[in-house]
Amino acid sequence: MNPTLILSLIVIGLLAGILSGFMGVGGGVIMIPLMVLFLGYSQHQAQGLSLAVLAMLVTLPAAYTYYVNPVAGEAAFNWKFALIIGVSFLLGGLLGAKFAVNIPQQILKKSFAVILVIVAIKMFFSK
Protein backbone atom coordinates (compact mmCIF):
# COMPACT_ATOMS: atom_id res chain seq x y z
CA MET A 1 0.00 0.00 0.00
CA ASN A 2 1.24 3.48 -0.77
CA PRO A 3 1.78 6.01 2.04
CA THR A 4 -1.00 8.34 0.82
CA LEU A 5 -3.55 5.53 0.99
CA ILE A 6 -2.37 4.50 4.46
CA LEU A 7 -2.57 8.13 5.64
CA SER A 8 -6.10 8.46 4.18
CA LEU A 9 -7.20 5.30 5.99
CA ILE A 10 -5.70 6.55 9.27
CA VAL A 11 -7.40 9.96 8.93
CA ILE A 12 -10.78 8.34 8.17
CA GLY A 13 -10.37 6.02 11.16
CA LEU A 14 -9.33 8.83 13.51
CA LEU A 15 -12.18 11.12 12.43
CA ALA A 16 -14.71 8.32 12.76
CA GLY A 17 -13.31 7.30 16.15
CA ILE A 18 -13.19 10.83 17.54
CA LEU A 19 -16.72 11.64 16.36
CA SER A 20 -17.98 8.25 17.54
CA GLY A 21 -16.66 8.86 21.03
CA PHE A 22 -17.69 12.52 21.04
CA MET A 23 -21.13 12.38 19.43
CA GLY A 24 -22.06 8.71 19.02
CA VAL A 25 -21.60 8.77 15.24
CA GLY A 26 -18.85 7.41 13.07
CA GLY A 27 -19.54 4.43 10.85
CA GLY A 28 -22.23 5.50 8.48
CA VAL A 29 -22.16 9.22 9.03
CA ILE A 30 -18.43 9.77 8.73
CA MET A 31 -16.61 6.76 7.30
CA ILE A 32 -18.93 5.98 4.40
CA PRO A 33 -18.95 9.46 2.82
CA LEU A 34 -15.19 9.83 3.33
CA MET A 35 -14.49 6.45 1.74
CA VAL A 36 -16.67 7.33 -1.26
CA LEU A 37 -15.17 10.81 -1.65
CA PHE A 38 -11.50 10.22 -0.85
CA LEU A 39 -10.88 6.55 -1.58
CA GLY A 40 -13.11 6.28 -4.63
CA TYR A 41 -15.06 3.40 -3.10
CA SER A 42 -18.50 2.54 -4.39
CA GLN A 43 -21.36 2.93 -1.93
CA HIS A 44 -21.49 -0.85 -1.55
CA GLN A 45 -17.74 -1.10 -0.83
CA ALA A 46 -17.86 1.76 1.70
CA GLN A 47 -20.84 0.31 3.54
CA GLY A 48 -19.22 -3.12 3.69
CA LEU A 49 -15.93 -1.74 4.99
CA SER A 50 -17.72 0.41 7.56
CA LEU A 51 -19.55 -2.66 8.85
CA ALA A 52 -16.28 -4.61 9.00
CA VAL A 53 -14.69 -1.86 11.09
CA LEU A 54 -17.65 -1.70 13.45
CA ALA A 55 -17.57 -5.49 13.83
CA MET A 56 -14.16 -5.16 15.49
CA LEU A 57 -15.89 -3.65 18.54
CA VAL A 58 -13.97 -0.40 18.26
CA THR A 59 -16.83 1.40 19.96
CA LEU A 60 -16.88 -0.76 23.11
CA PRO A 61 -14.23 1.29 24.96
CA ALA A 62 -16.09 4.52 24.16
CA ALA A 63 -19.40 3.00 25.33
CA TYR A 64 -17.74 1.83 28.54
CA THR A 65 -16.43 5.36 29.13
CA TYR A 66 -19.98 6.71 28.88
CA TYR A 67 -21.19 3.97 31.24
CA VAL A 68 -18.65 4.66 33.99
CA ASN A 69 -18.86 8.46 33.62
CA PRO A 70 -22.57 9.31 33.46
CA VAL A 71 -23.47 12.97 33.17
CA ALA A 72 -24.28 14.53 36.55
CA GLY A 73 -27.84 13.78 37.57
CA GLU A 74 -28.27 11.00 35.00
CA ALA A 75 -28.01 7.26 35.44
CA ALA A 76 -25.64 5.26 33.28
CA PHE A 77 -27.23 3.56 30.28
CA ASN A 78 -28.70 0.08 30.65
CA TRP A 79 -26.47 -2.74 29.31
CA LYS A 80 -29.51 -5.04 29.03
CA PHE A 81 -31.08 -2.56 26.65
CA ALA A 82 -27.80 -2.45 24.71
CA LEU A 83 -27.82 -6.24 24.43
CA ILE A 84 -31.43 -6.36 23.18
CA ILE A 85 -30.82 -3.56 20.67
CA GLY A 86 -27.50 -5.17 19.69
CA VAL A 87 -29.04 -8.57 18.90
CA SER A 88 -31.82 -6.84 16.97
CA PHE A 89 -29.22 -4.71 15.18
CA LEU A 90 -27.33 -7.88 14.23
CA LEU A 91 -30.42 -9.43 12.68
CA GLY A 92 -31.47 -6.18 11.02
CA GLY A 93 -27.95 -5.67 9.66
CA LEU A 94 -27.98 -9.10 8.08
CA LEU A 95 -31.38 -8.50 6.46
CA GLY A 96 -30.42 -4.99 5.35
CA ALA A 97 -27.14 -6.16 3.82
CA LYS A 98 -28.87 -8.97 1.90
CA PHE A 99 -31.27 -6.36 0.51
CA ALA A 100 -28.61 -3.67 -0.19
CA VAL A 101 -26.29 -5.86 -2.27
CA ASN A 102 -29.09 -6.22 -4.82
CA ILE A 103 -29.76 -2.47 -5.16
CA PRO A 104 -27.94 -0.44 -7.85
CA GLN A 105 -25.25 1.84 -6.37
CA GLN A 106 -26.89 5.10 -7.49
CA ILE A 107 -30.16 4.22 -5.75
CA LEU A 108 -28.31 3.09 -2.62
CA LYS A 109 -26.21 6.27 -2.54
CA LYS A 110 -29.25 8.52 -2.98
CA SER A 111 -31.18 6.60 -0.30
CA PHE A 112 -28.26 7.02 2.09
CA ALA A 113 -28.11 10.76 1.39
CA VAL A 114 -31.87 11.21 1.91
CA ILE A 115 -31.72 9.47 5.29
CA LEU A 116 -28.80 11.68 6.40
CA VAL A 117 -30.63 14.84 5.32
CA ILE A 118 -33.87 13.83 7.07
CA VAL A 119 -32.03 13.03 10.31
CA ALA A 120 -30.03 16.27 10.10
CA ILE A 121 -33.16 18.40 9.56
CA LYS A 122 -35.00 16.67 12.39
CA MET A 123 -32.08 17.16 14.78
CA PHE A 124 -31.50 20.76 13.72
CA PHE A 125 -35.11 21.80 14.38
CA SER A 126 -35.73 19.75 17.53
CA LYS A 127 -35.46 21.33 20.98
C-alpha atoms as a PDB file:
ATOM      1  CA  MET A   1       0.000   0.000   0.000  1.00  0.00           C
ATOM      2  CA  ASN A   2       1.240   3.476  -0.770  1.00  0.00           C
ATOM      3  CA  PRO A   3       1.782   6.014   2.035  1.00  0.00           C
ATOM      4  CA  THR A   4      -0.995   8.341   0.825  1.00  0.00           C
ATOM      5  CA  LEU A   5      -3.549   5.533   0.993  1.00  0.00           C
ATOM      6  CA  ILE A   6      -2.366   4.502   4.457  1.00  0.00           C
ATOM      7  CA  LEU A   7      -2.574   8.125   5.639  1.00  0.00           C
ATOM      8  CA  SER A   8      -6.097   8.455   4.178  1.00  0.00           C
ATOM      9  CA  LEU A   9      -7.204   5.301   5.989  1.00  0.00           C
ATOM     10  CA  ILE A  10      -5.704   6.549   9.266  1.00  0.00           C
ATOM     11  CA  VAL A  11      -7.402   9.957   8.934  1.00  0.00           C
ATOM     12  CA  ILE A  12     -10.776   8.339   8.166  1.00  0.00           C
ATOM     13  CA  GLY A  13     -10.371   6.020  11.163  1.00  0.00           C
ATOM     14  CA  LEU A  14      -9.328   8.831  13.506  1.00  0.00           C
ATOM     15  CA  LEU A  15     -12.178  11.121  12.430  1.00  0.00           C
ATOM     16  CA  ALA A  16     -14.709   8.322  12.764  1.00  0.00           C
ATOM     17  CA  GLY A  17     -13.314   7.302  16.149  1.00  0.00           C
ATOM     18  CA  ILE A  18     -13.194  10.833  17.536  1.00  0.00           C
ATOM     19  CA  LEU A  19     -16.723  11.635  16.361  1.00  0.00           C
ATOM     20  CA  SER A  20     -17.975   8.253  17.542  1.00  0.00           C
ATOM     21  CA  GLY A  21     -16.656   8.865  21.030  1.00  0.00           C
ATOM     22  CA  PHE A  22     -17.692  12.521  21.037  1.00  0.00           C
ATOM     23  CA  MET A  23     -21.130  12.376  19.426  1.00  0.00           C
ATOM     24  CA  GLY A  24     -22.055   8.715  19.024  1.00  0.00           C
ATOM     25  CA  VAL A  25     -21.602   8.772  15.240  1.00  0.00           C
ATOM     26  CA  GLY A  26     -18.855   7.408  13.074  1.00  0.00           C
ATOM     27  CA  GLY A  27     -19.536   4.434  10.847  1.00  0.00           C
ATOM     28  CA  GLY A  28     -22.230   5.502   8.481  1.00  0.00           C
ATOM     29  CA  VAL A  29     -22.163   9.215   9.026  1.00  0.00           C
ATOM     30  CA  ILE A  30     -18.427   9.773   8.727  1.00  0.00           C
ATOM     31  CA  MET A  31     -16.610   6.762   7.301  1.00  0.00           C
ATOM     32  CA  ILE A  32     -18.927   5.985   4.398  1.00  0.00           C
ATOM     33  CA  PRO A  33     -18.955   9.458   2.824  1.00  0.00           C
ATOM     34  CA  LEU A  34     -15.185   9.835   3.330  1.00  0.00           C
ATOM     35  CA  MET A  35     -14.490   6.449   1.738  1.00  0.00           C
ATOM     36  CA  VAL A  36     -16.667   7.330  -1.260  1.00  0.00           C
ATOM     37  CA  LEU A  37     -15.168  10.814  -1.653  1.00  0.00           C
ATOM     38  CA  PHE A  38     -11.499  10.217  -0.854  1.00  0.00           C
ATOM     39  CA  LEU A  39     -10.883   6.547  -1.576  1.00  0.00           C
ATOM     40  CA  GLY A  40     -13.107   6.278  -4.631  1.00  0.00           C
ATOM     41  CA  TYR A  41     -15.056   3.399  -3.104  1.00  0.00           C
ATOM     42  CA  SER A  42     -18.500   2.539  -4.387  1.00  0.00           C
ATOM     43  CA  GLN A  43     -21.363   2.930  -1.933  1.00  0.00           C
ATOM     44  CA  HIS A  44     -21.488  -0.852  -1.545  1.00  0.00           C
ATOM     45  CA  GLN A  45     -17.745  -1.104  -0.834  1.00  0.00           C
ATOM     46  CA  ALA A  46     -17.864   1.756   1.695  1.00  0.00           C
ATOM     47  CA  GLN A  47     -20.844   0.308   3.536  1.00  0.00           C
ATOM     48  CA  GLY A  48     -19.223  -3.119   3.691  1.00  0.00           C
ATOM     49  CA  LEU A  49     -15.926  -1.742   4.991  1.00  0.00           C
ATOM     50  CA  SER A  50     -17.724   0.410   7.559  1.00  0.00           C
ATOM     51  CA  LEU A  51     -19.546  -2.660   8.847  1.00  0.00           C
ATOM     52  CA  ALA A  52     -16.277  -4.612   8.998  1.00  0.00           C
ATOM     53  CA  VAL A  53     -14.687  -1.859  11.094  1.00  0.00           C
ATOM     54  CA  LEU A  54     -17.652  -1.702  13.451  1.00  0.00           C
ATOM     55  CA  ALA A  55     -17.567  -5.485  13.825  1.00  0.00           C
ATOM     56  CA  MET A  56     -14.156  -5.162  15.491  1.00  0.00           C
ATOM     57  CA  LEU A  57     -15.886  -3.649  18.538  1.00  0.00           C
ATOM     58  CA  VAL A  58     -13.973  -0.397  18.259  1.00  0.00           C
ATOM     59  CA  THR A  59     -16.834   1.402  19.965  1.00  0.00           C
ATOM     60  CA  LEU A  60     -16.877  -0.759  23.108  1.00  0.00           C
ATOM     61  CA  PRO A  61     -14.227   1.290  24.963  1.00  0.00           C
ATOM     62  CA  ALA A  62     -16.092   4.516  24.157  1.00  0.00           C
ATOM     63  CA  ALA A  63     -19.399   3.002  25.328  1.00  0.00           C
ATOM     64  CA  TYR A  64     -17.736   1.826  28.545  1.00  0.00           C
ATOM     65  CA  THR A  65     -16.431   5.360  29.131  1.00  0.00           C
ATOM     66  CA  TYR A  66     -19.980   6.710  28.876  1.00  0.00           C
ATOM     67  CA  TYR A  67     -21.193   3.965  31.239  1.00  0.00           C
ATOM     68  CA  VAL A  68     -18.651   4.665  33.991  1.00  0.00           C
ATOM     69  CA  ASN A  69     -18.863   8.462  33.615  1.00  0.00           C
ATOM     70  CA  PRO A  70     -22.570   9.310  33.463  1.00  0.00           C
ATOM     71  CA  VAL A  71     -23.474  12.971  33.175  1.00  0.00           C
ATOM     72  CA  ALA A  72     -24.284  14.533  36.552  1.00  0.00           C
ATOM     73  CA  GLY A  73     -27.841  13.780  37.565  1.00  0.00           C
ATOM     74  CA  GLU A  74     -28.272  10.998  35.000  1.00  0.00           C
ATOM     75  CA  ALA A  75     -28.013   7.260  35.435  1.00  0.00           C
ATOM     76  CA  ALA A  76     -25.638   5.256  33.282  1.00  0.00           C
ATOM     77  CA  PHE A  77     -27.235   3.563  30.285  1.00  0.00           C
ATOM     78  CA  ASN A  78     -28.702   0.083  30.652  1.00  0.00           C
ATOM     79  CA  TRP A  79     -26.470  -2.738  29.308  1.00  0.00           C
ATOM     80  CA  LYS A  80     -29.506  -5.043  29.027  1.00  0.00           C
ATOM     81  CA  PHE A  81     -31.083  -2.556  26.651  1.00  0.00           C
ATOM     82  CA  ALA A  82     -27.798  -2.451  24.710  1.00  0.00           C
ATOM     83  CA  LEU A  83     -27.823  -6.242  24.426  1.00  0.00           C
ATOM     84  CA  ILE A  84     -31.430  -6.355  23.176  1.00  0.00           C
ATOM     85  CA  ILE A  85     -30.820  -3.565  20.670  1.00  0.00           C
ATOM     86  CA  GLY A  86     -27.495  -5.169  19.693  1.00  0.00           C
ATOM     87  CA  VAL A  87     -29.038  -8.566  18.898  1.00  0.00           C
ATOM     88  CA  SER A  88     -31.822  -6.841  16.968  1.00  0.00           C
ATOM     89  CA  PHE A  89     -29.223  -4.710  15.175  1.00  0.00           C
ATOM     90  CA  LEU A  90     -27.327  -7.877  14.234  1.00  0.00           C
ATOM     91  CA  LEU A  91     -30.423  -9.433  12.685  1.00  0.00           C
ATOM     92  CA  GLY A  92     -31.471  -6.183  11.022  1.00  0.00           C
ATOM     93  CA  GLY A  93     -27.953  -5.668   9.664  1.00  0.00           C
ATOM     94  CA  LEU A  94     -27.976  -9.100   8.076  1.00  0.00           C
ATOM     95  CA  LEU A  95     -31.378  -8.498   6.462  1.00  0.00           C
ATOM     96  CA  GLY A  96     -30.417  -4.991   5.347  1.00  0.00           C
ATOM     97  CA  ALA A  97     -27.138  -6.164   3.822  1.00  0.00           C
ATOM     98  CA  LYS A  98     -28.866  -8.968   1.903  1.00  0.00           C
ATOM     99  CA  PHE A  99     -31.271  -6.364   0.514  1.00  0.00           C
ATOM    100  CA  ALA A 100     -28.610  -3.675  -0.186  1.00  0.00           C
ATOM    101  CA  VAL A 101     -26.288  -5.856  -2.271  1.00  0.00           C
ATOM    102  CA  ASN A 102     -29.090  -6.220  -4.820  1.00  0.00           C
ATOM    103  CA  ILE A 103     -29.763  -2.470  -5.163  1.00  0.00           C
ATOM    104  CA  PRO A 104     -27.944  -0.439  -7.846  1.00  0.00           C
ATOM    105  CA  GLN A 105     -25.246   1.835  -6.373  1.00  0.00           C
ATOM    106  CA  GLN A 106     -26.892   5.098  -7.487  1.00  0.00           C
ATOM    107  CA  ILE A 107     -30.163   4.225  -5.754  1.00  0.00           C
ATOM    108  CA  LEU A 108     -28.311   3.094  -2.621  1.00  0.00           C
ATOM    109  CA  LYS A 109     -26.214   6.273  -2.542  1.00  0.00           C
ATOM    110  CA  LYS A 110     -29.255   8.517  -2.978  1.00  0.00           C
ATOM    111  CA  SER A 111     -31.184   6.600  -0.304  1.00  0.00           C
ATOM    112  CA  PHE A 112     -28.255   7.021   2.087  1.00  0.00           C
ATOM    113  CA  ALA A 113     -28.115  10.765   1.386  1.00  0.00           C
ATOM    114  CA  VAL A 114     -31.867  11.209   1.905  1.00  0.00           C
ATOM    115  CA  ILE A 115     -31.718   9.471   5.289  1.00  0.00           C
ATOM    116  CA  LEU A 116     -28.799  11.676   6.400  1.00  0.00           C
ATOM    117  CA  VAL A 117     -30.635  14.843   5.322  1.00  0.00           C
ATOM    118  CA  ILE A 118     -33.869  13.834   7.073  1.00  0.00           C
ATOM    119  CA  VAL A 119     -32.029  13.035  10.308  1.00  0.00           C
ATOM    120  CA  ALA A 120     -30.028  16.273  10.096  1.00  0.00           C
ATOM    121  CA  ILE A 121     -33.164  18.404   9.561  1.00  0.00           C
ATOM    122  CA  LYS A 122     -35.004  16.674  12.393  1.00  0.00           C
ATOM    123  CA  MET A 123     -32.076  17.157  14.777  1.00  0.00           C
ATOM    124  CA  PHE A 124     -31.500  20.756  13.719  1.00  0.00           C
ATOM    125  CA  PHE A 125     -35.108  21.802  14.379  1.00  0.00           C
ATOM    126  CA  SER A 126     -35.726  19.747  17.534  1.00  0.00           C
ATOM    127  CA  LYS A 127     -35.457  21.327  20.981  1.00  0.00           C
END
